[in-house]
PDB file of N, CA and C in Angstrom:
ATOM      1  N   MET A   1      -1.748 -24.218  30.842  1.00  0.00           N
ATOM      2  CA  MET A   1      -1.862 -24.713  29.479  1.00  0.00           C
ATOM      3  C   MET A   1      -2.829 -23.854  28.676  1.00  0.00           C
ATOM      4  N   LYS A   2      -3.972 -23.555  29.293  1.00  0.00           N
ATOM      5  CA  LYS A   2      -4.978 -22.766  28.611  1.00  0.00           C
ATOM      6  C   LYS A   2      -4.439 -21.370  28.282  1.00  0.00           C
ATOM      7  N   ASP A   3      -3.694 -20.795  29.226  1.00  0.00           N
ATOM      8  CA  ASP A   3      -3.126 -19.468  29.028  1.00  0.00           C
ATOM      9  C   ASP A   3      -2.125 -19.465  27.879  1.00  0.00           C
ATOM     10  N   SER A   4      -1.321 -20.502  27.748  1.00  0.00           N
ATOM     11  CA  SER A   4      -0.321 -20.527  26.690  1.00  0.00           C
ATOM     12  C   SER A   4      -0.990 -20.636  25.315  1.00  0.00           C
ATOM     13  N   VAL A   5      -2.101 -21.372  25.228  1.00  0.00           N
ATOM     14  CA  VAL A   5      -2.824 -21.489  23.960  1.00  0.00           C
ATOM     15  C   VAL A   5      -3.412 -20.135  23.584  1.00  0.00           C
ATOM     16  N   LYS A   6      -3.996 -19.458  24.574  1.00  0.00           N
ATOM     17  CA  LYS A   6      -4.574 -18.137  24.334  1.00  0.00           C
ATOM     18  C   LYS A   6      -3.489 -17.139  23.932  1.00  0.00           C
ATOM     19  N   LEU A   7      -2.369 -17.191  24.630  1.00  0.00           N
ATOM     20  CA  LEU A   7      -1.263 -16.287  24.328  1.00  0.00           C
ATOM     21  C   LEU A   7      -0.742 -16.527  22.907  1.00  0.00           C
ATOM     22  N   LYS A   8      -0.612 -17.797  22.542  1.00  0.00           N
ATOM     23  CA  LYS A   8      -0.152 -18.139  21.197  1.00  0.00           C
ATOM     24  C   LYS A   8      -1.133 -17.626  20.147  1.00  0.00           C
ATOM     25  N   ALA A   9      -2.418 -17.788  20.395  1.00  0.00           N
ATOM     26  CA  ALA A   9      -3.442 -17.313  19.457  1.00  0.00           C
ATOM     27  C   ALA A   9      -3.394 -15.794  19.327  1.00  0.00           C
ATOM     28  N   GLU A  10      -3.208 -15.113  20.440  1.00  0.00           N
ATOM     29  CA  GLU A  10      -3.122 -13.650  20.414  1.00  0.00           C
ATOM     30  C   GLU A  10      -1.897 -13.189  19.629  1.00  0.00           C
ATOM     31  N   LYS A  11      -0.789 -13.878  19.799  1.00  0.00           N
ATOM     32  CA  LYS A  11       0.423 -13.521  19.051  1.00  0.00           C
ATOM     33  C   LYS A  11       0.216 -13.735  17.551  1.00  0.00           C
ATOM     34  N   GLN A  12      -0.416 -14.845  17.186  1.00  0.00           N
ATOM     35  CA  GLN A  12      -0.680 -15.113  15.773  1.00  0.00           C
ATOM     36  C   GLN A  12      -1.614 -14.062  15.196  1.00  0.00           C
ATOM     37  N   PHE A  13      -2.651 -13.699  15.944  1.00  0.00           N
ATOM     38  CA  PHE A  13      -3.590 -12.684  15.492  1.00  0.00           C
ATOM     39  C   PHE A  13      -2.889 -11.353  15.307  1.00  0.00           C
ATOM     40  N   SER A  14      -2.066 -10.989  16.278  1.00  0.00           N
ATOM     41  CA  SER A  14      -1.325  -9.735  16.212  1.00  0.00           C
ATOM     42  C   SER A  14      -0.410  -9.714  14.990  1.00  0.00           C
ATOM     43  N   ALA A  15       0.262 -10.815  14.737  1.00  0.00           N
ATOM     44  CA  ALA A  15       1.162 -10.899  13.585  1.00  0.00           C
ATOM     45  C   ALA A  15       0.383 -10.777  12.279  1.00  0.00           C
ATOM     46  N   SER A  16      -0.776 -11.411  12.200  1.00  0.00           N
ATOM     47  CA  SER A  16      -1.561 -11.338  10.963  1.00  0.00           C
ATOM     48  C   SER A  16      -2.112  -9.933  10.765  1.00  0.00           C
ATOM     49  N   GLN A  17      -2.481  -9.258  11.855  1.00  0.00           N
ATOM     50  CA  GLN A  17      -2.946  -7.875  11.757  1.00  0.00           C
ATOM     51  C   GLN A  17      -1.834  -6.975  11.226  1.00  0.00           C
ATOM     52  N   LYS A  18      -0.637  -7.151  11.767  1.00  0.00           N
ATOM     53  CA  LYS A  18       0.500  -6.334  11.350  1.00  0.00           C
ATOM     54  C   LYS A  18       0.825  -6.586   9.875  1.00  0.00           C
ATOM     55  N   GLN A  19       0.757  -7.850   9.465  1.00  0.00           N
ATOM     56  CA  GLN A  19       1.027  -8.207   8.078  1.00  0.00           C
ATOM     57  C   GLN A  19      -0.024  -7.575   7.164  1.00  0.00           C
ATOM     58  N   GLY A  20      -1.269  -7.575   7.594  1.00  0.00           N
ATOM     59  CA  GLY A  20      -2.340  -6.969   6.820  1.00  0.00           C
ATOM     60  C   GLY A  20      -2.139  -5.469   6.667  1.00  0.00           C
ATOM     61  N   GLU A  21      -1.747  -4.817   7.739  1.00  0.00           N
ATOM     62  CA  GLU A  21      -1.490  -3.378   7.703  1.00  0.00           C
ATOM     63  C   GLU A  21      -0.339  -3.066   6.757  1.00  0.00           C
ATOM     64  N   THR A  22       0.701  -3.878   6.792  1.00  0.00           N
ATOM     65  CA  THR A  22       1.846  -3.681   5.902  1.00  0.00           C
ATOM     66  C   THR A  22       1.424  -3.833   4.445  1.00  0.00           C
ATOM     67  N   ALA A  23       0.604  -4.828   4.163  1.00  0.00           N
ATOM     68  CA  ALA A  23       0.137  -5.051   2.790  1.00  0.00           C
ATOM     69  C   ALA A  23      -0.691  -3.869   2.308  1.00  0.00           C
ATOM     70  N   ILE A  24      -1.528  -3.332   3.168  1.00  0.00           N
ATOM     71  CA  ILE A  24      -2.348  -2.174   2.797  1.00  0.00           C
ATOM     72  C   ILE A  24      -1.463  -0.965   2.525  1.00  0.00           C
ATOM     73  N   GLN A  25      -0.459  -0.758   3.352  1.00  0.00           N
ATOM     74  CA  GLN A  25       0.454   0.372   3.156  1.00  0.00           C
ATOM     75  C   GLN A  25       1.200   0.242   1.829  1.00  0.00           C
ATOM     76  N   GLU A  26       1.654  -0.966   1.505  1.00  0.00           N
ATOM     77  CA  GLU A  26       2.357  -1.190   0.240  1.00  0.00           C
ATOM     78  C   GLU A  26       1.424  -0.956  -0.945  1.00  0.00           C
ATOM     79  N   LYS A  27       0.188  -1.399  -0.828  1.00  0.00           N
ATOM     80  CA  LYS A  27      -0.790  -1.200  -1.896  1.00  0.00           C
ATOM     81  C   LYS A  27      -1.063   0.289  -2.096  1.00  0.00           C
ATOM     82  N   ASP A  28      -1.248   1.026  -1.002  1.00  0.00           N
ATOM     83  CA  ASP A  28      -1.488   2.462  -1.090  1.00  0.00           C
ATOM     84  C   ASP A  28      -0.300   3.188  -1.713  1.00  0.00           C
ATOM     85  N   LYS A  29       0.904   2.770  -1.351  1.00  0.00           N
ATOM     86  CA  LYS A  29       2.113   3.396  -1.897  1.00  0.00           C
ATOM     87  C   LYS A  29       2.197   3.162  -3.399  1.00  0.00           C
ATOM     88  N   ALA A  30       1.928   1.928  -3.844  1.00  0.00           N
ATOM     89  CA  ALA A  30       1.971   1.611  -5.272  1.00  0.00           C
ATOM     90  C   ALA A  30       0.900   2.389  -6.024  1.00  0.00           C
ATOM     91  N   GLU A  31      -0.267   2.512  -5.438  1.00  0.00           N
ATOM     92  CA  GLU A  31      -1.358   3.260  -6.077  1.00  0.00           C
ATOM     93  C   GLU A  31      -0.991   4.732  -6.228  1.00  0.00           C
ATOM     94  N   LYS A  32      -0.375   5.306  -5.191  1.00  0.00           N
ATOM     95  CA  LYS A  32       0.042   6.714  -5.259  1.00  0.00           C
ATOM     96  C   LYS A  32       1.116   6.905  -6.330  1.00  0.00           C
ATOM     97  N   GLU A  33       2.059   5.964  -6.415  1.00  0.00           N
ATOM     98  CA  GLU A  33       3.105   6.061  -7.432  1.00  0.00           C
ATOM     99  C   GLU A  33       2.497   6.018  -8.834  1.00  0.00           C
ATOM    100  N   ARG A  34       1.526   5.114  -9.064  1.00  0.00           N
ATOM    101  CA  ARG A  34       0.856   5.047 -10.371  1.00  0.00           C
ATOM    102  C   ARG A  34       0.121   6.340 -10.676  1.00  0.00           C
ATOM    103  N   SER A  35      -0.553   6.894  -9.677  1.00  0.00           N
ATOM    104  CA  SER A  35      -1.288   8.139  -9.858  1.00  0.00           C
ATOM    105  C   SER A  35      -0.339   9.291 -10.192  1.00  0.00           C
ATOM    106  N   ASP A  36       0.765   9.361  -9.464  1.00  0.00           N
ATOM    107  CA  ASP A  36       1.758  10.413  -9.731  1.00  0.00           C
ATOM    108  C   ASP A  36       2.323  10.280 -11.137  1.00  0.00           C
ATOM    109  N   LYS A  37       2.579   9.052 -11.563  1.00  0.00           N
ATOM    110  CA  LYS A  37       3.126   8.819 -12.895  1.00  0.00           C
ATOM    111  C   LYS A  37       2.120   9.250 -13.966  1.00  0.00           C
ATOM    112  N   ARG A  38       0.841   8.882 -13.749  1.00  0.00           N
ATOM    113  CA  ARG A  38      -0.197   9.289 -14.701  1.00  0.00           C
ATOM    114  C   ARG A  38      -0.279  10.799 -14.807  1.00  0.00           C
ATOM    115  N   THR A  39      -0.234  11.465 -13.662  1.00  0.00           N
ATOM    116  CA  THR A  39      -0.304  12.925 -13.633  1.00  0.00           C
ATOM    117  C   THR A  39       0.876  13.541 -14.374  1.00  0.00           C
ATOM    118  N   ARG A  40       2.064  12.987 -14.118  1.00  0.00           N
ATOM    119  CA  ARG A  40       3.268  13.517 -14.769  1.00  0.00           C
ATOM    120  C   ARG A  40       3.203  13.316 -16.280  1.00  0.00           C
ATOM    121  N   LEU A  41       2.769  12.129 -16.709  1.00  0.00           N
ATOM    122  CA  LEU A  41       2.674  11.859 -18.142  1.00  0.00           C
ATOM    123  C   LEU A  41       1.611  12.722 -18.812  1.00  0.00           C
ATOM    124  N   ALA A  42       0.515  12.953 -18.125  1.00  0.00           N
ATOM    125  CA  ALA A  42      -0.527  13.819 -18.672  1.00  0.00           C
ATOM    126  C   ALA A  42       0.003  15.235 -18.842  1.00  0.00           C
ATOM    127  N   ALA A  43       0.770  15.709 -17.875  1.00  0.00           N
ATOM    128  CA  ALA A  43       1.356  17.054 -17.967  1.00  0.00           C
ATOM    129  C   ALA A  43       2.330  17.128 -19.142  1.00  0.00           C
ATOM    130  N   LEU A  44       3.106  16.069 -19.351  1.00  0.00           N
ATOM    131  CA  LEU A  44       4.031  16.059 -20.483  1.00  0.00           C
ATOM    132  C   LEU A  44       3.272  16.093 -21.806  1.00  0.00           C
ATOM    133  N   ARG A  45       2.181  15.318 -21.895  1.00  0.00           N
ATOM    134  CA  ARG A  45       1.378  15.320 -23.126  1.00  0.00           C
ATOM    135  C   ARG A  45       0.768  16.682 -23.379  1.00  0.00           C
ATOM    136  N   LEU A  46       0.274  17.319 -22.353  1.00  0.00           N
ATOM    137  CA  LEU A  46      -0.311  18.642 -22.505  1.00  0.00           C
ATOM    138  C   LEU A  46       0.748  19.657 -22.938  1.00  0.00           C
ATOM    139  N   GLY A  47       1.955  19.499 -22.419  1.00  0.00           N
ATOM    140  CA  GLY A  47       3.045  20.389 -22.811  1.00  0.00           C
ATOM    141  C   GLY A  47       3.406  20.207 -24.277  1.00  0.00           C
ATOM    142  N   LYS A  48       3.376  18.977 -24.773  1.00  0.00           N
ATOM    143  CA  LYS A  48       3.668  18.704 -26.183  1.00  0.00           C
ATOM    144  C   LYS A  48       2.574  19.266 -27.075  1.00  0.00           C
ATOM    145  N   ASP A  49       1.332  19.161 -26.638  1.00  0.00           N
ATOM    146  CA  ASP A  49       0.216  19.677 -27.430  1.00  0.00           C
ATOM    147  C   ASP A  49       0.300  21.175 -27.595  1.00  0.00           C
ATOM    148  N   LYS A  50       0.769  21.879 -26.600  1.00  0.00           N
ATOM    149  CA  LYS A  50       0.873  23.337 -26.672  1.00  0.00           C
ATOM    150  C   LYS A  50       1.963  23.768 -27.649  1.00  0.00           C
ATOM    151  N   THR A  51       3.038  22.987 -27.745  1.00  0.00           N
ATOM    152  CA  THR A  51       4.146  23.365 -28.630  1.00  0.00           C
ATOM    153  C   THR A  51       3.877  22.969 -30.072  1.00  0.00           C
ATOM    154  N   SER A  52       2.954  22.068 -30.305  1.00  0.00           N
ATOM    155  CA  SER A  52       2.673  21.589 -31.666  1.00  0.00           C
ATOM    156  C   SER A  52       1.832  22.558 -32.442  1.00  0.00           C
TER     157      SER A  52
END
């Protein structure tokens, strides 16, 4: 009985760790996409300024 409770707790912990890692990866991906977009838009603005 004690082993099954421990095993269940370990599985829950493992699942929450994996979920946390996934959330961090998604957050990092979204942050990189925003950064890339900002960089691209800044380059476009600089290109317009040169032609004006």
